[in-house]
Amino acid sequence: MKIRAVCRPIRIVVGLALITTAVVTGNPWFYLGIAPLIAGMVNFCPLCIITKKCDI
């Protein structure tokens, strides 16, 4: 199994969890969860590019 196949759903879930936390708590810092959400939806992982450890 490719690492990216596992990373993509994790990024989407983490992004949604952070955005949900921002809405519930009112803390605007959690809106940064949009970054992993977008990365998961477009299948782009900056860490995979930097570390070169993910399969493409």
PDB file of N, CA and C in Angstrom:
ATOM      1  N   MET A   1       0.845  -1.183   0.000  1.00  0.00           N
ATOM      2  CA  MET A   1       0.000   0.000   0.000  1.00  0.00           C
ATOM      3  C   MET A   1       0.884   1.238   0.000  1.00  0.00           C
ATOM      4  N   LYS A   2       0.528   2.193  -0.833  1.00  0.00           N
ATOM      5  CA  LYS A   2       1.285   3.426  -0.909  1.00  0.00           C
ATOM      6  C   LYS A   2       1.005   4.299   0.307  1.00  0.00           C
ATOM      7  N   ILE A   3       2.020   5.022   0.713  1.00  0.00           N
ATOM      8  CA  ILE A   3       1.872   5.907   1.864  1.00  0.00           C
ATOM      9  C   ILE A   3       0.844   6.991   1.562  1.00  0.00           C
ATOM     10  N   ARG A   4       0.840   7.497   0.334  1.00  0.00           N
ATOM     11  CA  ARG A   4      -0.103   8.561  -0.019  1.00  0.00           C
ATOM     12  C   ARG A   4      -1.543   8.081   0.075  1.00  0.00           C
ATOM     13  N   ALA A   5      -1.777   6.789  -0.167  1.00  0.00           N
ATOM     14  CA  ALA A   5      -3.141   6.268  -0.078  1.00  0.00           C
ATOM     15  C   ALA A   5      -3.652   6.337   1.355  1.00  0.00           C
ATOM     16  N   VAL A   6      -2.755   6.260   2.318  1.00  0.00           N
ATOM     17  CA  VAL A   6      -3.138   6.348   3.727  1.00  0.00           C
ATOM     18  C   VAL A   6      -3.189   7.804   4.175  1.00  0.00           C
ATOM     19  N   CYS A   7      -2.293   8.621   3.681  1.00  0.00           N
ATOM     20  CA  CYS A   7      -2.191  10.014   4.115  1.00  0.00           C
ATOM     21  C   CYS A   7      -3.384  10.856   3.684  1.00  0.00           C
ATOM     22  N   ARG A   8      -3.907  10.604   2.498  1.00  0.00           N
ATOM     23  CA  ARG A   8      -4.973  11.455   1.969  1.00  0.00           C
ATOM     24  C   ARG A   8      -6.216  11.467   2.862  1.00  0.00           C
ATOM     25  N   PRO A   9      -6.781  10.316   3.228  1.00  0.00           N
ATOM     26  CA  PRO A   9      -7.968  10.373   4.100  1.00  0.00           C
ATOM     27  C   PRO A   9      -7.654  10.933   5.481  1.00  0.00           C
ATOM     28  N   ILE A  10      -6.450  10.717   5.956  1.00  0.00           N
ATOM     29  CA  ILE A  10      -6.075  11.254   7.266  1.00  0.00           C
ATOM     30  C   ILE A  10      -6.042  12.773   7.212  1.00  0.00           C
ATOM     31  N   ARG A  11      -5.485  13.346   6.131  1.00  0.00           N
ATOM     32  CA  ARG A  11      -5.449  14.808   5.996  1.00  0.00           C
ATOM     33  C   ARG A  11      -6.854  15.387   5.927  1.00  0.00           C
ATOM     34  N   ILE A  12      -7.747  14.711   5.221  1.00  0.00           N
ATOM     35  CA  ILE A  12      -9.121  15.204   5.102  1.00  0.00           C
ATOM     36  C   ILE A  12      -9.819  15.174   6.458  1.00  0.00           C
ATOM     37  N   VAL A  13      -9.677  14.093   7.199  1.00  0.00           N
ATOM     38  CA  VAL A  13     -10.322  13.963   8.514  1.00  0.00           C
ATOM     39  C   VAL A  13      -9.753  14.983   9.500  1.00  0.00           C
ATOM     40  N   VAL A  14      -8.438  15.157   9.500  1.00  0.00           N
ATOM     41  CA  VAL A  14      -7.822  16.128  10.409  1.00  0.00           C
ATOM     42  C   VAL A  14      -8.278  17.541  10.066  1.00  0.00           C
ATOM     43  N   GLY A  15      -8.331  17.859   8.782  1.00  0.00           N
ATOM     44  CA  GLY A  15      -8.799  19.183   8.370  1.00  0.00           C
ATOM     45  C   GLY A  15     -10.225  19.446   8.806  1.00  0.00           C
ATOM     46  N   LEU A  16     -11.105  18.475   8.586  1.00  0.00           N
ATOM     47  CA  LEU A  16     -12.500  18.638   9.007  1.00  0.00           C
ATOM     48  C   LEU A  16     -12.620  18.749  10.523  1.00  0.00           C
ATOM     49  N   ALA A  17     -11.816  17.980  11.244  1.00  0.00           N
ATOM     50  CA  ALA A  17     -11.861  18.042  12.709  1.00  0.00           C
ATOM     51  C   ALA A  17     -11.407  19.412  13.212  1.00  0.00           C
ATOM     52  N   LEU A  18     -10.369  19.956  12.611  1.00  0.00           N
ATOM     53  CA  LEU A  18      -9.899  21.271  13.037  1.00  0.00           C
ATOM     54  C   LEU A  18     -10.914  22.368  12.720  1.00  0.00           C
ATOM     55  N   ILE A  19     -11.524  22.311  11.557  1.00  0.00           N
ATOM     56  CA  ILE A  19     -12.531  23.313  11.197  1.00  0.00           C
ATOM     57  C   ILE A  19     -13.752  23.197  12.106  1.00  0.00           C
ATOM     58  N   THR A  20     -14.155  21.969  12.416  1.00  0.00           N
ATOM     59  CA  THR A  20     -15.276  21.765  13.334  1.00  0.00           C
ATOM     60  C   THR A  20     -14.953  22.325  14.713  1.00  0.00           C
ATOM     61  N   THR A  21     -13.728  22.120  15.176  1.00  0.00           N
ATOM     62  CA  THR A  21     -13.308  22.656  16.463  1.00  0.00           C
ATOM     63  C   THR A  21     -13.348  24.183  16.442  1.00  0.00           C
ATOM     64  N   ALA A  22     -12.969  24.778  15.326  1.00  0.00           N
ATOM     65  CA  ALA A  22     -13.008  26.243  15.211  1.00  0.00           C
ATOM     66  C   ALA A  22     -14.435  26.758  15.306  1.00  0.00           C
ATOM     67  N   VAL A  23     -15.351  26.069  14.672  1.00  0.00           N
ATOM     68  CA  VAL A  23     -16.755  26.500  14.706  1.00  0.00           C
ATOM     69  C   VAL A  23     -17.329  26.347  16.109  1.00  0.00           C
ATOM     70  N   VAL A  24     -17.018  25.235  16.767  1.00  0.00           N
ATOM     71  CA  VAL A  24     -17.579  24.965  18.090  1.00  0.00           C
ATOM     72  C   VAL A  24     -16.990  25.890  19.150  1.00  0.00           C
ATOM     73  N   THR A  25     -15.665  26.061  19.144  1.00  0.00           N
ATOM     74  CA  THR A  25     -15.020  26.844  20.199  1.00  0.00           C
ATOM     75  C   THR A  25     -14.939  28.331  19.887  1.00  0.00           C
ATOM     76  N   GLY A  26     -15.021  28.677  18.624  1.00  0.00           N
ATOM     77  CA  GLY A  26     -14.902  30.078  18.251  1.00  0.00           C
ATOM     78  C   GLY A  26     -13.461  30.551  18.163  1.00  0.00           C
ATOM     79  N   ASN A  27     -12.517  29.646  18.277  1.00  0.00           N
ATOM     80  CA  ASN A  27     -11.105  29.987  18.184  1.00  0.00           C
ATOM     81  C   ASN A  27     -10.698  30.009  16.709  1.00  0.00           C
ATOM     82  N   PRO A  28     -10.333  31.173  16.171  1.00  0.00           N
ATOM     83  CA  PRO A  28     -10.043  31.264  14.740  1.00  0.00           C
ATOM     84  C   PRO A  28      -8.784  30.520  14.309  1.00  0.00           C
ATOM     85  N   TRP A  29      -7.898  30.177  15.217  1.00  0.00           N
ATOM     86  CA  TRP A  29      -6.672  29.466  14.845  1.00  0.00           C
ATOM     87  C   TRP A  29      -6.976  28.092  14.254  1.00  0.00           C
ATOM     88  N   PHE A  30      -8.071  27.496  14.664  1.00  0.00           N
ATOM     89  CA  PHE A  30      -8.404  26.166  14.157  1.00  0.00           C
ATOM     90  C   PHE A  30      -8.875  26.197  12.710  1.00  0.00           C
ATOM     91  N   TYR A  31      -9.167  27.389  12.185  1.00  0.00           N
ATOM     92  CA  TYR A  31      -9.525  27.483  10.764  1.00  0.00           C
ATOM     93  C   TYR A  31      -8.329  27.179   9.862  1.00  0.00           C
ATOM     94  N   LEU A  32      -7.158  27.073  10.442  1.00  0.00           N
ATOM     95  CA  LEU A  32      -5.989  26.634   9.669  1.00  0.00           C
ATOM     96  C   LEU A  32      -6.148  25.189   9.206  1.00  0.00           C
ATOM     97  N   GLY A  33      -7.159  24.509   9.694  1.00  0.00           N
ATOM     98  CA  GLY A  33      -7.464  23.159   9.247  1.00  0.00           C
ATOM     99  C   GLY A  33      -7.846  23.107   7.786  1.00  0.00           C
ATOM    100  N   ILE A  34      -8.082  24.261   7.189  1.00  0.00           N
ATOM    101  CA  ILE A  34      -8.393  24.281   5.764  1.00  0.00           C
ATOM    102  C   ILE A  34      -7.185  23.846   4.936  1.00  0.00           C
ATOM    103  N   ALA A  35      -5.974  24.049   5.443  1.00  0.00           N
ATOM    104  CA  ALA A  35      -4.761  23.652   4.709  1.00  0.00           C
ATOM    105  C   ALA A  35      -4.691  22.137   4.518  1.00  0.00           C
ATOM    106  N   PRO A  36      -4.794  21.317   5.579  1.00  0.00           N
ATOM    107  CA  PRO A  36      -4.767  19.874   5.331  1.00  0.00           C
ATOM    108  C   PRO A  36      -5.994  19.379   4.577  1.00  0.00           C
ATOM    109  N   LEU A  37      -7.124  20.058   4.752  1.00  0.00           N
ATOM    110  CA  LEU A  37      -8.329  19.654   4.022  1.00  0.00           C
ATOM    111  C   LEU A  37      -8.135  19.833   2.515  1.00  0.00           C
ATOM    112  N   ILE A  38      -7.637  20.981   2.116  1.00  0.00           N
ATOM    113  CA  ILE A  38      -7.391  21.225   0.692  1.00  0.00           C
ATOM    114  C   ILE A  38      -6.298  20.296   0.179  1.00  0.00           C
ATOM    115  N   ALA A  39      -5.249  20.087   0.980  1.00  0.00           N
ATOM    116  CA  ALA A  39      -4.169  19.184   0.560  1.00  0.00           C
ATOM    117  C   ALA A  39      -4.696  17.769   0.347  1.00  0.00           C
ATOM    118  N   GLY A  40      -5.614  17.343   1.177  1.00  0.00           N
ATOM    119  CA  GLY A  40      -6.184  16.012   1.014  1.00  0.00           C
ATOM    120  C   GLY A  40      -7.124  15.921  -0.169  1.00  0.00           C
ATOM    121  N   MET A  41      -7.848  16.985  -0.431  1.00  0.00           N
ATOM    122  CA  MET A  41      -8.819  16.948  -1.527  1.00  0.00           C
ATOM    123  C   MET A  41      -8.150  17.020  -2.896  1.00  0.00           C
ATOM    124  N   VAL A  42      -7.053  17.749  -3.010  1.00  0.00           N
ATOM    125  CA  VAL A  42      -6.373  17.852  -4.296  1.00  0.00           C
ATOM    126  C   VAL A  42      -5.233  16.838  -4.414  1.00  0.00           C
ATOM    127  N   ASN A  43      -5.061  16.018  -3.369  1.00  0.00           N
ATOM    128  CA  ASN A  43      -4.027  14.970  -3.342  1.00  0.00           C
ATOM    129  C   ASN A  43      -2.628  15.551  -3.535  1.00  0.00           C
ATOM    130  N   PHE A  44      -2.321  16.567  -2.761  1.00  0.00           N
ATOM    131  CA  PHE A  44      -1.019  17.213  -2.784  1.00  0.00           C
ATOM    132  C   PHE A  44      -0.477  17.226  -1.369  1.00  0.00           C
ATOM    133  N   CYS A  45       0.686  16.662  -1.169  1.00  0.00           N
ATOM    134  CA  CYS A  45       1.276  16.603   0.167  1.00  0.00           C
ATOM    135  C   CYS A  45       2.627  17.310   0.155  1.00  0.00           C
ATOM    136  N   PRO A  46       2.713  18.508   0.736  1.00  0.00           N
ATOM    137  CA  PRO A  46       3.993  19.208   0.757  1.00  0.00           C
ATOM    138  C   PRO A  46       5.069  18.437   1.521  1.00  0.00           C
ATOM    139  N   LEU A  47       4.688  17.731   2.575  1.00  0.00           N
ATOM    140  CA  LEU A  47       5.679  16.960   3.325  1.00  0.00           C
ATOM    141  C   LEU A  47       6.246  15.806   2.508  1.00  0.00           C
ATOM    142  N   CYS A  48       5.418  15.212   1.665  1.00  0.00           N
ATOM    143  CA  CYS A  48       5.899  14.128   0.813  1.00  0.00           C
ATOM    144  C   CYS A  48       6.932  14.647  -0.191  1.00  0.00           C
ATOM    145  N   ILE A  49       6.737  15.852  -0.674  1.00  0.00           N
ATOM    146  CA  ILE A  49       7.677  16.435  -1.622  1.00  0.00           C
ATOM    147  C   ILE A  49       8.978  16.787  -0.924  1.00  0.00           C
ATOM    148  N   ILE A  50       8.877  17.356   0.266  1.00  0.00           N
ATOM    149  CA  ILE A  50      10.076  17.783   1.002  1.00  0.00           C
ATOM    150  C   ILE A  50      10.890  16.573   1.463  1.00  0.00           C
ATOM    151  N   THR A  51      10.235  15.576   2.047  1.00  0.00           N
ATOM    152  CA  THR A  51      10.955  14.427   2.584  1.00  0.00           C
ATOM    153  C   THR A  51      11.263  13.363   1.542  1.00  0.00           C
ATOM    154  N   LYS A  52      10.540  13.372   0.421  1.00  0.00           N
ATOM    155  CA  LYS A  52      10.731  12.391  -0.656  1.00  0.00           C
ATOM    156  C   LYS A  52      10.585  10.960  -0.161  1.00  0.00           C
ATOM    157  N   LYS A  53       9.679  10.748   0.807  1.00  0.00           N
ATOM    158  CA  LYS A  53       9.467   9.406   1.355  1.00  0.00           C
ATOM    159  C   LYS A  53       8.158   8.773   0.894  1.00  0.00           C
ATOM    160  N   CYS A  54       7.317   9.544   0.234  1.00  0.00           N
ATOM    161  CA  CYS A  54       6.031   9.023  -0.208  1.00  0.00           C
ATOM    162  C   CYS A  54       6.145   8.523  -1.643  1.00  0.00           C
ATOM    163  N   ASP A  55       5.337   7.519  -1.955  1.00  0.00           N
ATOM    164  CA  ASP A  55       5.278   7.026  -3.321  1.00  0.00           C
ATOM    165  C   ASP A  55       4.419   7.959  -4.152  1.00  0.00           C
ATOM    166  N   ILE A  56       4.827   8.169  -5.378  1.00  0.00           N
ATOM    167  CA  ILE A  56       4.051   9.040  -6.264  1.00  0.00           C
ATOM    168  C   ILE A  56       3.344   8.212  -7.300  1.00  0.00           C
TER     169      ILE A  56
END
